[in-house]
Amino acid sequence: GLVSIESHVPAAGSVPVARVEAGGVTGFSWLFAPHRNNFDSLALTNVAAIALNGECLRGKAEADHELGYQLMKRFAQLMLERLQSTRVQALDIYANEGGADAGAN
């Protein structure tokens, strides 16, 4: 299926920051304390999902450092992509706000 990853922006409401297609990953908050999600996931089509037990997986990564390294390497790439996407969305939102203000003056 297709999932929209969204962030709440006070001036704009829910803003999509990424789209995840079949086989993609929607979250990585399980990896870092305080283990809370910072984004919302909205199913745009029918979706089949697999949920992992973050506490169990963190324990296995701690016990097997090679596993931990491989997980971190893959999730670091995902986090970078999500951060860059979020940054672009934020720039678009604030550029549009500035444009509206500039036109009103």
C-alpha atoms as a PDB file:
ATOM      1  CA  GLY A   1       0.000   0.000   0.000  1.00  0.00           C
ATOM      2  CA  LEU A   2       0.865   3.667   0.207  1.00  0.00           C
ATOM      3  CA  VAL A   3       1.410   5.574   3.457  1.00  0.00           C
ATOM      4  CA  SER A   4       1.846   9.300   3.975  1.00  0.00           C
ATOM      5  CA  ILE A   5       4.271  10.288   6.750  1.00  0.00           C
ATOM      6  CA  GLU A   6       3.028  13.564   8.170  1.00  0.00           C
ATOM      7  CA  SER A   7       4.060  16.186  10.685  1.00  0.00           C
ATOM      8  CA  HIS A   8       1.769  18.627  12.464  1.00  0.00           C
ATOM      9  CA  VAL A   9       2.643  22.253  11.747  1.00  0.00           C
ATOM     10  CA  PRO A  10       0.690  24.789  13.820  1.00  0.00           C
ATOM     11  CA  ALA A  11       0.219  27.217  10.922  1.00  0.00           C
ATOM     12  CA  ALA A  12      -0.663  24.551   8.354  1.00  0.00           C
ATOM     13  CA  GLY A  13      -2.066  21.472  10.117  1.00  0.00           C
ATOM     14  CA  SER A  14      -0.874  18.043   8.997  1.00  0.00           C
ATOM     15  CA  VAL A  15       1.848  18.356   6.376  1.00  0.00           C
ATOM     16  CA  PRO A  16       3.084  15.344   4.400  1.00  0.00           C
ATOM     17  CA  VAL A  17       6.864  14.945   4.606  1.00  0.00           C
ATOM     18  CA  ALA A  18       7.284  11.597   2.858  1.00  0.00           C
ATOM     19  CA  ARG A  19       5.408   8.815   1.130  1.00  0.00           C
ATOM     20  CA  VAL A  20       6.216   5.208   1.832  1.00  0.00           C
ATOM     21  CA  GLU A  21       5.391   2.535  -0.713  1.00  0.00           C
ATOM     22  CA  ALA A  22       5.110  -1.219  -0.279  1.00  0.00           C
ATOM     23  CA  GLY A  23       8.227  -2.613   1.379  1.00  0.00           C
ATOM     24  CA  GLY A  24       9.135   0.734   2.965  1.00  0.00           C
ATOM     25  CA  VAL A  25       9.603   1.702   6.607  1.00  0.00           C
ATOM     26  CA  THR A  26       7.301   4.153   8.362  1.00  0.00           C
ATOM     27  CA  GLY A  27       9.047   4.626  11.695  1.00  0.00           C
ATOM     28  CA  PHE A  28      12.301   4.459  13.563  1.00  0.00           C
ATOM     29  CA  SER A  29      11.384   5.945  16.952  1.00  0.00           C
ATOM     30  CA  TRP A  30      11.729   2.492  18.535  1.00  0.00           C
ATOM     31  CA  LEU A  31      15.481   2.865  18.085  1.00  0.00           C
ATOM     32  CA  PHE A  32      16.053   5.951  20.265  1.00  0.00           C
ATOM     33  CA  ALA A  33      14.867   7.020  23.707  1.00  0.00           C
ATOM     34  CA  PRO A  34      12.265   8.112  24.633  1.00  0.00           C
ATOM     35  CA  HIS A  35      10.866   5.737  21.952  1.00  0.00           C
ATOM     36  CA  ARG A  36       8.002   8.031  20.938  1.00  0.00           C
ATOM     37  CA  ASN A  37       6.800   8.646  17.423  1.00  0.00           C
ATOM     38  CA  ASN A  38       7.383  12.177  16.076  1.00  0.00           C
ATOM     39  CA  PHE A  39       5.394  11.714  12.877  1.00  0.00           C
ATOM     40  CA  ASP A  40       1.946  10.424  12.001  1.00  0.00           C
ATOM     41  CA  SER A  41       1.347   7.711   9.423  1.00  0.00           C
ATOM     42  CA  LEU A  42      -1.760   7.927   7.257  1.00  0.00           C
ATOM     43  CA  ALA A  43      -2.713   4.997   5.037  1.00  0.00           C
ATOM     44  CA  LEU A  44      -3.607   6.354   1.586  1.00  0.00           C
ATOM     45  CA  THR A  45      -4.513   2.924   0.227  1.00  0.00           C
ATOM     46  CA  ASN A  46      -5.101  -0.481   1.761  1.00  0.00           C
ATOM     47  CA  VAL A  47      -1.948  -1.356   3.680  1.00  0.00           C
ATOM     48  CA  ALA A  48      -0.546  -4.552   5.130  1.00  0.00           C
ATOM     49  CA  ALA A  49       1.980  -3.780   7.843  1.00  0.00           C
ATOM     50  CA  ILE A  50       4.442  -5.643  10.018  1.00  0.00           C
ATOM     51  CA  ALA A  51       5.076  -4.300  13.512  1.00  0.00           C
ATOM     52  CA  LEU A  52       8.326  -5.132  15.271  1.00  0.00           C
ATOM     53  CA  ASN A  53       8.909  -5.303  19.004  1.00  0.00           C
ATOM     54  CA  GLY A  54      11.347  -2.416  19.419  1.00  0.00           C
ATOM     55  CA  GLU A  55      12.403  -3.364  22.946  1.00  0.00           C
ATOM     56  CA  CYS A  56      13.249  -6.909  21.850  1.00  0.00           C
ATOM     57  CA  LEU A  57      15.086  -5.724  18.744  1.00  0.00           C
ATOM     58  CA  ARG A  58      17.116  -3.184  20.734  1.00  0.00           C
ATOM     59  CA  GLY A  59      18.151  -5.971  23.119  1.00  0.00           C
ATOM     60  CA  LYS A  60      19.234  -8.216  20.240  1.00  0.00           C
ATOM     61  CA  ALA A  61      21.203  -5.359  18.646  1.00  0.00           C
ATOM     62  CA  GLU A  62      22.930  -4.674  21.963  1.00  0.00           C
ATOM     63  CA  ALA A  63      23.879  -8.340  22.320  1.00  0.00           C
ATOM     64  CA  ASP A  64      25.024  -8.665  18.692  1.00  0.00           C
ATOM     65  CA  HIS A  65      26.985  -5.565  17.729  1.00  0.00           C
ATOM     66  CA  GLU A  66      27.173  -6.544  14.054  1.00  0.00           C
ATOM     67  CA  LEU A  67      23.374  -6.700  13.947  1.00  0.00           C
ATOM     68  CA  GLY A  68      23.238  -3.369  15.776  1.00  0.00           C
ATOM     69  CA  TYR A  69      25.668  -1.801  13.294  1.00  0.00           C
ATOM     70  CA  GLN A  70      23.690  -3.064  10.297  1.00  0.00           C
ATOM     71  CA  LEU A  71      20.414  -1.785  11.756  1.00  0.00           C
ATOM     72  CA  MET A  72      21.933   1.589  12.623  1.00  0.00           C
ATOM     73  CA  LYS A  73      23.498   1.951   9.179  1.00  0.00           C
ATOM     74  CA  ARG A  74      20.201   1.281   7.423  1.00  0.00           C
ATOM     75  CA  PHE A  75      18.086   3.401   9.731  1.00  0.00           C
ATOM     76  CA  ALA A  76      20.579   6.281   9.633  1.00  0.00           C
ATOM     77  CA  GLN A  77      20.053   6.459   5.858  1.00  0.00           C
ATOM     78  CA  LEU A  78      16.278   6.440   6.339  1.00  0.00           C
ATOM     79  CA  MET A  79      16.525   9.162   9.006  1.00  0.00           C
ATOM     80  CA  LEU A  80      18.670  11.325   6.719  1.00  0.00           C
ATOM     81  CA  GLU A  81      16.151  11.013   3.887  1.00  0.00           C
ATOM     82  CA  ARG A  82      13.238  11.792   6.215  1.00  0.00           C
ATOM     83  CA  LEU A  83      15.081  14.787   7.716  1.00  0.00           C
ATOM     84  CA  GLN A  84      15.873  16.207   4.284  1.00  0.00           C
ATOM     85  CA  SER A  85      12.282  15.735   3.160  1.00  0.00           C
ATOM     86  CA  THR A  86      10.976  17.418   6.317  1.00  0.00           C
ATOM     87  CA  ARG A  87      13.371  20.326   5.806  1.00  0.00           C
ATOM     88  CA  VAL A  88      12.145  20.877   2.237  1.00  0.00           C
ATOM     89  CA  GLN A  89       8.523  20.786   3.400  1.00  0.00           C
ATOM     90  CA  ALA A  90       9.252  23.316   6.166  1.00  0.00           C
ATOM     91  CA  LEU A  91      10.974  25.639   3.711  1.00  0.00           C
ATOM     92  CA  ASP A  92       7.962  25.417   1.377  1.00  0.00           C
ATOM     93  CA  ILE A  93       5.526  26.205   4.202  1.00  0.00           C
ATOM     94  CA  TYR A  94       7.456  29.200   5.470  1.00  0.00           C
ATOM     95  CA  ALA A  95       8.214  30.478   1.960  1.00  0.00           C
ATOM     96  CA  ASN A  96       4.487  30.434   1.191  1.00  0.00           C
ATOM     97  CA  GLU A  97       3.716  32.274   4.419  1.00  0.00           C
ATOM     98  CA  GLY A  98       6.350  34.902   3.606  1.00  0.00           C
ATOM     99  CA  GLY A  99       4.973  35.251   0.094  1.00  0.00           C
ATOM    100  CA  ALA A 100       1.447  35.817   1.401  1.00  0.00           C
ATOM    101  CA  ASP A 101       2.684  38.444   3.880  1.00  0.00           C
ATOM    102  CA  ALA A 102       4.811  40.167   1.265  1.00  0.00           C
ATOM    103  CA  GLY A 103       1.806  40.457  -1.064  1.00  0.00           C
ATOM    104  CA  ALA A 104      -0.335  42.007   1.672  1.00  0.00           C
ATOM    105  CA  ASN A 105       2.138  44.834   2.384  1.00  0.00           C
END
